[in-house]
Amino acid sequence: MITQSNQLPETGFLRIHQIIGDKNNAPLIPVGKSTWWAGVKSGKFPAKVKLGVRTTAWRVEDIRNLIISFGGAV
């Protein structure tokens, strides 16, 4: 089940902990880290965007569209 979130910004980027959750963030998409990365690799989940050498993120628009495609609401 995809968690509803009305607090996504219109544009910008999300880091993995903001998407799959951690101790400080409720998950938008409740999957484990290895499941997330396998989905990114297979194309089931959106492609990553590199923001520098060590920073990986995803476009908010892509995550919003993913949630909607899974039947969730944003």
N, C-alpha and C. Protein backbone atom coordinates (compact mmCIF):
# COMPACT_ATOMS: atom_id res chain seq x y z
N MET A 1 0.84 -1.19 0.00
CA MET A 1 0.00 0.00 0.00
C MET A 1 0.88 1.24 0.00
N ILE A 2 0.55 2.19 -0.81
CA ILE A 2 1.28 3.44 -0.90
C ILE A 2 0.70 4.43 0.10
N THR A 3 1.58 5.07 0.84
CA THR A 3 1.15 6.03 1.84
C THR A 3 0.81 7.36 1.20
N GLN A 4 -0.28 7.95 1.63
CA GLN A 4 -0.69 9.26 1.11
C GLN A 4 0.20 10.34 1.71
N SER A 5 0.58 11.30 0.90
CA SER A 5 1.34 12.43 1.41
C SER A 5 0.91 13.70 0.69
N ASN A 6 0.36 14.63 1.42
CA ASN A 6 -0.04 15.91 0.85
C ASN A 6 1.07 16.94 1.03
N GLN A 7 2.23 16.51 1.50
CA GLN A 7 3.28 17.45 1.80
C GLN A 7 4.44 17.38 0.81
N LEU A 8 4.23 16.75 -0.34
CA LEU A 8 5.28 16.75 -1.35
C LEU A 8 5.33 18.11 -2.01
N PRO A 9 6.53 18.65 -2.21
CA PRO A 9 6.61 19.92 -2.93
C PRO A 9 6.23 19.73 -4.39
N GLU A 10 5.93 20.80 -5.09
CA GLU A 10 5.57 20.71 -6.50
C GLU A 10 6.74 20.22 -7.35
N THR A 11 7.92 20.73 -7.08
CA THR A 11 9.12 20.32 -7.80
C THR A 11 10.24 20.13 -6.81
N GLY A 12 11.32 19.57 -7.27
CA GLY A 12 12.48 19.37 -6.42
C GLY A 12 12.91 17.92 -6.45
N PHE A 13 13.67 17.54 -5.43
CA PHE A 13 14.23 16.20 -5.37
C PHE A 13 13.98 15.58 -4.00
N LEU A 14 13.90 14.25 -3.98
CA LEU A 14 13.77 13.48 -2.74
C LEU A 14 14.93 12.50 -2.65
N ARG A 15 15.45 12.33 -1.46
CA ARG A 15 16.49 11.33 -1.21
C ARG A 15 15.81 10.01 -0.86
N ILE A 16 16.56 8.93 -0.89
CA ILE A 16 15.99 7.60 -0.68
C ILE A 16 15.29 7.48 0.67
N HIS A 17 15.87 8.05 1.74
CA HIS A 17 15.24 7.94 3.06
C HIS A 17 13.89 8.66 3.11
N GLN A 18 13.69 9.65 2.25
CA GLN A 18 12.41 10.35 2.21
C GLN A 18 11.37 9.54 1.44
N ILE A 19 11.83 8.66 0.56
CA ILE A 19 10.93 7.85 -0.26
C ILE A 19 10.54 6.56 0.46
N ILE A 20 11.53 5.80 0.92
CA ILE A 20 11.23 4.50 1.53
C ILE A 20 11.14 4.57 3.05
N GLY A 21 11.44 5.74 3.61
CA GLY A 21 11.30 5.95 5.04
C GLY A 21 12.52 5.53 5.83
N ASP A 22 12.60 6.04 7.03
CA ASP A 22 13.60 5.66 8.02
C ASP A 22 13.03 6.02 9.38
N LYS A 23 13.87 6.06 10.41
CA LYS A 23 13.35 6.32 11.75
C LYS A 23 12.75 7.71 11.90
N ASN A 24 13.11 8.65 11.00
CA ASN A 24 12.59 10.01 11.08
C ASN A 24 11.55 10.34 10.01
N ASN A 25 11.35 9.45 9.05
CA ASN A 25 10.45 9.72 7.93
C ASN A 25 9.52 8.53 7.69
N ALA A 26 8.24 8.80 7.60
CA ALA A 26 7.29 7.76 7.21
C ALA A 26 7.50 7.47 5.73
N PRO A 27 7.36 6.22 5.31
CA PRO A 27 7.59 5.91 3.90
C PRO A 27 6.49 6.42 2.99
N LEU A 28 6.89 6.94 1.84
CA LEU A 28 5.94 7.24 0.78
C LEU A 28 5.64 5.96 0.01
N ILE A 29 6.70 5.16 -0.17
CA ILE A 29 6.59 3.87 -0.85
C ILE A 29 7.23 2.85 0.09
N PRO A 30 6.43 2.04 0.75
CA PRO A 30 6.94 1.14 1.80
C PRO A 30 7.59 -0.13 1.24
N VAL A 31 8.82 0.02 0.78
CA VAL A 31 9.62 -1.12 0.34
C VAL A 31 10.98 -1.01 1.00
N GLY A 32 11.72 -2.10 1.01
CA GLY A 32 13.06 -2.08 1.55
C GLY A 32 14.04 -1.46 0.57
N LYS A 33 15.23 -1.15 1.08
CA LYS A 33 16.24 -0.51 0.26
C LYS A 33 16.67 -1.36 -0.93
N SER A 34 16.88 -2.66 -0.71
CA SER A 34 17.30 -3.50 -1.84
C SER A 34 16.17 -3.67 -2.86
N THR A 35 14.93 -3.71 -2.40
CA THR A 35 13.79 -3.77 -3.32
C THR A 35 13.71 -2.48 -4.13
N TRP A 36 13.93 -1.36 -3.49
CA TRP A 36 13.92 -0.08 -4.19
C TRP A 36 14.97 -0.06 -5.29
N TRP A 37 16.21 -0.42 -4.94
CA TRP A 37 17.30 -0.37 -5.92
C TRP A 37 17.07 -1.37 -7.06
N ALA A 38 16.52 -2.53 -6.76
CA ALA A 38 16.21 -3.50 -7.82
C ALA A 38 15.13 -2.94 -8.74
N GLY A 39 14.15 -2.23 -8.18
CA GLY A 39 13.10 -1.61 -8.99
C GLY A 39 13.63 -0.48 -9.86
N VAL A 40 14.59 0.27 -9.34
CA VAL A 40 15.22 1.33 -10.13
C VAL A 40 15.98 0.70 -11.29
N LYS A 41 16.73 -0.36 -10.99
CA LYS A 41 17.53 -1.03 -12.03
C LYS A 41 16.65 -1.64 -13.12
N SER A 42 15.51 -2.21 -12.73
CA SER A 42 14.63 -2.87 -13.70
C SER A 42 13.72 -1.89 -14.44
N GLY A 43 13.63 -0.66 -13.95
CA GLY A 43 12.76 0.33 -14.58
C GLY A 43 11.37 0.40 -13.97
N LYS A 44 11.10 -0.41 -12.95
CA LYS A 44 9.80 -0.37 -12.26
C LYS A 44 9.65 0.94 -11.49
N PHE A 45 10.74 1.44 -10.93
CA PHE A 45 10.77 2.69 -10.20
C PHE A 45 11.54 3.72 -11.01
N PRO A 46 11.34 5.02 -10.75
CA PRO A 46 12.00 6.06 -11.54
C PRO A 46 13.53 6.00 -11.48
N ALA A 47 14.13 6.53 -12.51
CA ALA A 47 15.60 6.60 -12.58
C ALA A 47 16.13 7.61 -11.58
N LYS A 48 17.29 7.34 -11.07
CA LYS A 48 17.94 8.24 -10.13
C LYS A 48 18.53 9.43 -10.87
N VAL A 49 18.78 10.50 -10.11
CA VAL A 49 19.45 11.69 -10.61
C VAL A 49 20.65 11.91 -9.70
N LYS A 50 21.83 12.02 -10.28
CA LYS A 50 23.02 12.28 -9.48
C LYS A 50 23.16 13.78 -9.26
N LEU A 51 23.25 14.18 -8.00
CA LEU A 51 23.43 15.58 -7.63
C LEU A 51 24.81 15.73 -7.00
N GLY A 52 25.81 15.60 -7.80
CA GLY A 52 27.17 15.62 -7.29
C GLY A 52 27.73 14.21 -7.26
N VAL A 53 28.90 14.09 -6.69
CA VAL A 53 29.61 12.81 -6.69
C VAL A 53 28.94 11.77 -5.80
N ARG A 54 28.46 12.17 -4.64
CA ARG A 54 27.96 11.20 -3.67
C ARG A 54 26.48 11.34 -3.35
N THR A 55 25.77 12.17 -4.05
CA THR A 55 24.37 12.41 -3.72
C THR A 55 23.46 11.90 -4.84
N THR A 56 22.55 11.02 -4.47
CA THR A 56 21.57 10.47 -5.40
C THR A 56 20.19 10.89 -4.93
N ALA A 57 19.35 11.28 -5.88
CA ALA A 57 17.99 11.72 -5.54
C ALA A 57 17.05 11.33 -6.68
N TRP A 58 15.76 11.58 -6.45
CA TRP A 58 14.73 11.33 -7.45
C TRP A 58 13.87 12.56 -7.56
N ARG A 59 13.39 12.86 -8.76
CA ARG A 59 12.52 14.02 -8.98
C ARG A 59 11.18 13.79 -8.28
N VAL A 60 10.71 14.82 -7.60
CA VAL A 60 9.42 14.74 -6.91
C VAL A 60 8.31 14.36 -7.90
N GLU A 61 8.36 14.94 -9.09
CA GLU A 61 7.33 14.65 -10.09
C GLU A 61 7.29 13.17 -10.43
N ASP A 62 8.47 12.53 -10.54
CA ASP A 62 8.53 11.10 -10.85
C ASP A 62 7.97 10.26 -9.72
N ILE A 63 8.27 10.63 -8.48
CA ILE A 63 7.76 9.89 -7.33
C ILE A 63 6.25 10.06 -7.21
N ARG A 64 5.76 11.27 -7.44
CA ARG A 64 4.32 11.52 -7.41
C ARG A 64 3.62 10.66 -8.46
N ASN A 65 4.16 10.62 -9.68
CA ASN A 65 3.56 9.80 -10.74
C ASN A 65 3.61 8.32 -10.40
N LEU A 66 4.68 7.87 -9.75
CA LEU A 66 4.77 6.47 -9.31
C LEU A 66 3.68 6.14 -8.30
N ILE A 67 3.49 7.00 -7.33
CA ILE A 67 2.47 6.78 -6.30
C ILE A 67 1.09 6.71 -6.96
N ILE A 68 0.82 7.62 -7.88
CA ILE A 68 -0.47 7.64 -8.57
C ILE A 68 -0.64 6.37 -9.39
N SER A 69 0.42 5.91 -10.06
CA SER A 69 0.31 4.69 -10.90
C SER A 69 0.03 3.45 -10.06
N PHE A 70 0.43 3.47 -8.79
CA PHE A 70 0.15 2.35 -7.90
C PHE A 70 -1.20 2.50 -7.20
N GLY A 71 -1.96 3.52 -7.57
CA GLY A 71 -3.30 3.70 -7.00
C GLY A 71 -3.34 4.52 -5.75
N GLY A 72 -2.24 5.18 -5.41
CA GLY A 72 -2.22 6.02 -4.21
C GLY A 72 -2.65 7.42 -4.54
N ALA A 73 -2.74 8.23 -3.52
CA ALA A 73 -3.11 9.64 -3.69
C ALA A 73 -2.00 10.51 -3.14
N VAL A 74 -1.77 11.61 -3.81
CA VAL A 74 -0.77 12.57 -3.32
C VAL A 74 -1.39 13.94 -3.19
